[in-house]
PDB file of N, CA and C in Angstrom:
ATOM      1  N   MET A   1     106.063 178.714   8.073  1.00  0.00           N
ATOM      2  CA  MET A   1     107.089 177.988   9.312  1.00  0.00           C
ATOM      3  C   MET A   1     107.825 176.843   9.448  1.00  0.00           C
ATOM      4  N   LYS A   2     106.627 176.443   9.645  1.00  0.00           N
ATOM      5  CA  LYS A   2     107.245 174.536   9.886  1.00  0.00           C
ATOM      6  C   LYS A   2     108.431 174.532   9.279  1.00  0.00           C
ATOM      7  N   LYS A   3     108.400 175.110   7.618  1.00  0.00           N
ATOM      8  CA  LYS A   3     109.302 174.624   6.866  1.00  0.00           C
ATOM      9  C   LYS A   3     110.264 175.283   6.951  1.00  0.00           C
ATOM     10  N   SER A   4     110.568 176.278   7.670  1.00  0.00           N
ATOM     11  CA  SER A   4     111.845 177.465   8.153  1.00  0.00           C
ATOM     12  C   SER A   4     112.655 176.818   9.568  1.00  0.00           C
ATOM     13  N   PHE A   5     111.485 176.091  10.029  1.00  0.00           N
ATOM     14  CA  PHE A   5     111.958 175.323  11.785  1.00  0.00           C
ATOM     15  C   PHE A   5     112.903 174.440  11.154  1.00  0.00           C
ATOM     16  N   ILE A   6     111.941 173.628   9.742  1.00  0.00           N
ATOM     17  CA  ILE A   6     112.781 172.383   9.739  1.00  0.00           C
ATOM     18  C   ILE A   6     114.134 172.512   9.298  1.00  0.00           C
ATOM     19  N   THR A   7     114.332 173.733   8.430  1.00  0.00           N
ATOM     20  CA  THR A   7     115.216 174.390   7.681  1.00  0.00           C
ATOM     21  C   THR A   7     116.481 174.557   8.810  1.00  0.00           C
ATOM     22  N   VAL A   8     115.948 175.018  10.215  1.00  0.00           N
ATOM     23  CA  VAL A   8     117.031 175.565  10.932  1.00  0.00           C
ATOM     24  C   VAL A   8     117.658 174.327  12.029  1.00  0.00           C
ATOM     25  N   ALA A   9     116.733 173.351  12.066  1.00  0.00           N
ATOM     26  CA  ALA A   9     116.501 172.401  12.861  1.00  0.00           C
ATOM     27  C   ALA A   9     117.943 171.390  11.890  1.00  0.00           C
ATOM     28  N   ALA A  10     117.676 171.624  10.459  1.00  0.00           N
ATOM     29  CA  ALA A  10     118.495 170.467   9.575  1.00  0.00           C
ATOM     30  C   ALA A  10     119.880 171.092   9.505  1.00  0.00           C
ATOM     31  N   LEU A  11     119.992 172.413   9.812  1.00  0.00           N
ATOM     32  CA  LEU A  11     121.218 173.400   9.632  1.00  0.00           C
ATOM     33  C   LEU A  11     121.868 173.302  11.155  1.00  0.00           C
ATOM     34  N   VAL A  12     121.332 173.004  12.486  1.00  0.00           N
ATOM     35  CA  VAL A  12     121.886 173.143  13.446  1.00  0.00           C
ATOM     36  C   VAL A  12     122.176 171.618  13.247  1.00  0.00           C
ATOM     37  N   LEU A  13     122.283 170.400  13.128  1.00  0.00           N
ATOM     38  CA  LEU A  13     121.875 169.673  13.479  1.00  0.00           C
ATOM     39  C   LEU A  13     123.169 169.268  12.379  1.00  0.00           C
ATOM     40  N   ALA A  14     123.636 169.793  11.273  1.00  0.00           N
ATOM     41  CA  ALA A  14     124.806 169.943  10.380  1.00  0.00           C
ATOM     42  C   ALA A  14     125.934 169.932  10.784  1.00  0.00           C
ATOM     43  N   ALA A  15     125.445 171.772  11.688  1.00  0.00           N
ATOM     44  CA  ALA A  15     126.919 172.161  12.669  1.00  0.00           C
ATOM     45  C   ALA A  15     127.004 171.258  13.785  1.00  0.00           C
ATOM     46  N   VAL A  16     126.352 170.695  14.244  1.00  0.00           N
ATOM     47  CA  VAL A  16     126.864 169.904  15.437  1.00  0.00           C
ATOM     48  C   VAL A  16     127.677 168.790  15.039  1.00  0.00           C
ATOM     49  N   PHE A  17     127.232 168.141  14.068  1.00  0.00           N
ATOM     50  CA  PHE A  17     127.631 166.559  13.360  1.00  0.00           C
ATOM     51  C   PHE A  17     129.258 167.019  13.081  1.00  0.00           C
ATOM     52  N   PHE A  18     128.817 167.955  12.329  1.00  0.00           N
ATOM     53  CA  PHE A  18     130.759 168.916  11.939  1.00  0.00           C
ATOM     54  C   PHE A  18     131.746 169.047  12.915  1.00  0.00           C
ATOM     55  N   GLY A  19     130.873 169.552  13.907  1.00  0.00           N
ATOM     56  CA  GLY A  19     132.159 170.244  14.802  1.00  0.00           C
ATOM     57  C   GLY A  19     131.850 168.870  15.469  1.00  0.00           C
ATOM     58  N   THR A  20     131.742 167.990  15.970  1.00  0.00           N
ATOM     59  CA  THR A  20     131.654 166.994  16.530  1.00  0.00           C
ATOM     60  C   THR A  20     133.253 166.341  16.027  1.00  0.00           C
ATOM     61  N   CYS A  21     132.687 166.279  14.613  1.00  0.00           N
ATOM     62  CA  CYS A  21     134.167 165.434  13.705  1.00  0.00           C
ATOM     63  C   CYS A  21     135.424 166.046  13.627  1.00  0.00           C
ATOM     64  N   LEU A  22     134.866 167.050  13.874  1.00  0.00           N
ATOM     65  CA  LEU A  22     136.810 167.843  13.466  1.00  0.00           C
ATOM     66  C   LEU A  22     137.044 168.263  15.248  1.00  0.00           C
ATOM     67  N   SER A  23     136.137 167.930  16.364  1.00  0.00           N
ATOM     68  CA  SER A  23     136.723 167.799  17.409  1.00  0.00           C
ATOM     69  C   SER A  23     137.874 167.101  17.794  1.00  0.00           C
ATOM     70  N   ALA A  24     136.942 165.590  16.748  1.00  0.00           N
ATOM     71  CA  ALA A  24     137.634 163.993  17.579  1.00  0.00           C
ATOM     72  C   ALA A  24     138.614 164.079  16.603  1.00  0.00           C
ATOM     73  N   GLY A  25     139.011 164.706  15.733  1.00  0.00           N
ATOM     74  CA  GLY A  25     140.243 164.861  15.042  1.00  0.00           C
ATOM     75  C   GLY A  25     141.482 165.500  16.334  1.00  0.00           C
ATOM     76  N   ILE A  26     140.681 166.415  16.634  1.00  0.00           N
ATOM     77  CA  ILE A  26     142.113 167.058  17.550  1.00  0.00           C
ATOM     78  C   ILE A  26     142.685 166.846  18.767  1.00  0.00           C
ATOM     79  N   ALA A  27     141.471 165.918  19.387  1.00  0.00           N
ATOM     80  CA  ALA A  27     141.503 164.876  20.520  1.00  0.00           C
ATOM     81  C   ALA A  27     142.166 163.839  20.081  1.00  0.00           C
ATOM     82  N   GLU A  28     141.953 163.296  19.426  1.00  0.00           N
ATOM     83  CA  GLU A  28     143.165 162.084  18.520  1.00  0.00           C
ATOM     84  C   GLU A  28     144.575 162.026  18.976  1.00  0.00           C
ATOM     85  N   ALA A  29     144.412 163.677  18.047  1.00  0.00           N
ATOM     86  CA  ALA A  29     145.847 163.909  18.095  1.00  0.00           C
ATOM     87  C   ALA A  29     147.083 164.341  19.408  1.00  0.00           C
ATOM     88  N   ALA A  30     145.914 164.919  20.240  1.00  0.00           N
ATOM     89  CA  ALA A  30     146.723 165.016  21.544  1.00  0.00           C
ATOM     90  C   ALA A  30     146.590 163.858  22.562  1.00  0.00           C
ATOM     91  N   TRP A  31     146.022 162.506  22.350  1.00  0.00           N
ATOM     92  CA  TRP A  31     146.173 161.096  23.136  1.00  0.00           C
ATOM     93  C   TRP A  31     147.642 160.789  23.624  1.00  0.00           C
ATOM     94  N   PRO A  32     147.541 160.301  24.641  1.00  0.00           N
ATOM     95  CA  PRO A  32     148.987 159.850  25.140  1.00  0.00           C
ATOM     96  C   PRO A  32     149.160 158.372  24.529  1.00  0.00           C
ATOM     97  N   GLU A  33     150.084 157.934  24.090  1.00  0.00           N
ATOM     98  CA  GLU A  33     150.388 156.609  23.353  1.00  0.00           C
ATOM     99  C   GLU A  33     151.158 156.176  24.805  1.00  0.00           C
ATOM    100  N   LYS A  34     150.044 155.183  25.438  1.00  0.00           N
ATOM    101  CA  LYS A  34     150.265 154.842  26.525  1.00  0.00           C
ATOM    102  C   LYS A  34     149.576 153.902  26.718  1.00  0.00           C
ATOM    103  N   ASN A  35     150.394 152.791  27.569  1.00  0.00           N
ATOM    104  CA  ASN A  35     148.618 151.342  28.012  1.00  0.00           C
ATOM    105  C   ASN A  35     147.788 152.048  28.910  1.00  0.00           C
ATOM    106  N   ILE A  36     146.950 151.119  29.408  1.00  0.00           N
ATOM    107  CA  ILE A  36     146.020 151.942  29.930  1.00  0.00           C
ATOM    108  C   ILE A  36     145.356 149.880  30.893  1.00  0.00           C
ATOM    109  N   THR A  37     145.806 150.604  32.084  1.00  0.00           N
ATOM    110  CA  THR A  37     145.073 148.651  32.588  1.00  0.00           C
ATOM    111  C   THR A  37     143.922 148.898  33.215  1.00  0.00           C
ATOM    112  N   VAL A  38     143.040 147.839  33.295  1.00  0.00           N
ATOM    113  CA  VAL A  38     141.514 147.903  33.108  1.00  0.00           C
ATOM    114  C   VAL A  38     141.532 146.419  34.097  1.00  0.00           C
ATOM    115  N   ILE A  39     140.931 147.059  35.199  1.00  0.00           N
ATOM    116  CA  ILE A  39     140.815 146.155  36.823  1.00  0.00           C
ATOM    117  C   ILE A  39     139.249 145.964  36.866  1.00  0.00           C
ATOM    118  N   ILE A  40     139.210 144.304  36.073  1.00  0.00           N
ATOM    119  CA  ILE A  40     137.589 144.280  36.884  1.00  0.00           C
ATOM    120  C   ILE A  40     137.289 143.376  38.152  1.00  0.00           C
ATOM    121  N   THR A  41     136.469 144.137  38.688  1.00  0.00           N
ATOM    122  CA  THR A  41     136.144 143.334  40.081  1.00  0.00           C
ATOM    123  C   THR A  41     135.355 141.707  40.569  1.00  0.00           C
ATOM    124  N   HIS A  42     134.271 142.074  39.183  1.00  0.00           N
ATOM    125  CA  HIS A  42     133.363 140.796  38.864  1.00  0.00           C
ATOM    126  C   HIS A  42     134.047 139.901  38.595  1.00  0.00           C
ATOM    127  N   GLY A  43     133.751 138.413  38.775  1.00  0.00           N
ATOM    128  CA  GLY A  43     134.144 137.368  38.035  1.00  0.00           C
ATOM    129  C   GLY A  43     134.296 136.993  36.546  1.00  0.00           C
ATOM    130  N   SER A  44     135.387 136.299  36.460  1.00  0.00           N
ATOM    131  CA  SER A  44     135.650 135.433  34.607  1.00  0.00           C
ATOM    132  C   SER A  44     134.356 135.299  34.719  1.00  0.00           C
ATOM    133  N   GLY A  45     133.745 135.671  32.903  1.00  0.00           N
ATOM    134  CA  GLY A  45     132.699 134.997  32.128  1.00  0.00           C
ATOM    135  C   GLY A  45     131.931 135.299  32.208  1.00  0.00           C
ATOM    136  N   GLY A  46     131.470 136.811  33.586  1.00  0.00           N
ATOM    137  CA  GLY A  46     130.647 137.416  33.420  1.00  0.00           C
ATOM    138  C   GLY A  46     129.911 138.435  32.035  1.00  0.00           C
ATOM    139  N   ASP A  47     129.357 138.952  32.190  1.00  0.00           N
ATOM    140  CA  ASP A  47     128.666 140.506  31.329  1.00  0.00           C
ATOM    141  C   ASP A  47     129.505 140.996  31.874  1.00  0.00           C
ATOM    142  N   THR A  48     130.446 141.893  32.609  1.00  0.00           N
ATOM    143  CA  THR A  48     131.004 142.579  32.659  1.00  0.00           C
ATOM    144  C   THR A  48     132.460 142.733  32.432  1.00  0.00           C
ATOM    145  N   ASP A  49     132.814 141.123  32.553  1.00  0.00           N
ATOM    146  CA  ASP A  49     134.268 140.948  32.259  1.00  0.00           C
ATOM    147  C   ASP A  49     134.447 140.945  30.668  1.00  0.00           C
ATOM    148  N   PHE A  50     132.989 140.176  30.216  1.00  0.00           N
ATOM    149  CA  PHE A  50     133.312 140.082  28.641  1.00  0.00           C
ATOM    150  C   PHE A  50     132.741 141.414  27.965  1.00  0.00           C
ATOM    151  N   ASN A  51     132.234 142.594  28.307  1.00  0.00           N
ATOM    152  CA  ASN A  51     132.774 143.910  27.695  1.00  0.00           C
ATOM    153  C   ASN A  51     133.429 144.360  27.866  1.00  0.00           C
ATOM    154  N   ALA A  52     134.399 144.200  29.092  1.00  0.00           N
ATOM    155  CA  ALA A  52     135.527 144.397  29.555  1.00  0.00           C
ATOM    156  C   ALA A  52     137.019 144.488  28.740  1.00  0.00           C
ATOM    157  N   ARG A  53     136.570 142.551  28.002  1.00  0.00           N
ATOM    158  CA  ARG A  53     137.638 142.023  26.978  1.00  0.00           C
ATOM    159  C   ARG A  53     137.520 142.565  25.667  1.00  0.00           C
ATOM    160  N   LEU A  54     135.932 143.069  25.192  1.00  0.00           N
ATOM    161  CA  LEU A  54     135.554 143.903  23.991  1.00  0.00           C
ATOM    162  C   LEU A  54     136.706 144.746  24.401  1.00  0.00           C
ATOM    163  N   MET A  55     136.276 145.876  24.908  1.00  0.00           N
ATOM    164  CA  MET A  55     136.988 147.117  24.805  1.00  0.00           C
ATOM    165  C   MET A  55     138.118 147.318  25.070  1.00  0.00           C
ATOM    166  N   CYS A  56     138.494 146.600  25.522  1.00  0.00           N
ATOM    167  CA  CYS A  56     140.570 146.492  25.195  1.00  0.00           C
ATOM    168  C   CYS A  56     140.928 146.125  23.929  1.00  0.00           C
ATOM    169  N   ARG A  57     140.047 145.186  23.007  1.00  0.00           N
ATOM    170  CA  ARG A  57     140.606 145.229  21.837  1.00  0.00           C
ATOM    171  C   ARG A  57     140.725 146.156  21.207  1.00  0.00           C
ATOM    172  N   LEU A  58     139.714 147.651  21.072  1.00  0.00           N
ATOM    173  CA  LEU A  58     140.189 149.043  20.710  1.00  0.00           C
ATOM    174  C   LEU A  58     141.227 149.198  20.621  1.00  0.00           C
TER     175      LEU A  58
END
């Protein structure tokens, strides 16, 4: 019983993993190629500003 549960759980996790990998490629192909403006309402130099600047590099 325990071995079959582990096998089924591993198969489900593998299916979810490969499903998300495939959908990421499809979503990337449909992504528009235009700039995004990020507006931060907090002061410069804070944690929010720092994290936003890191995300803008992506």
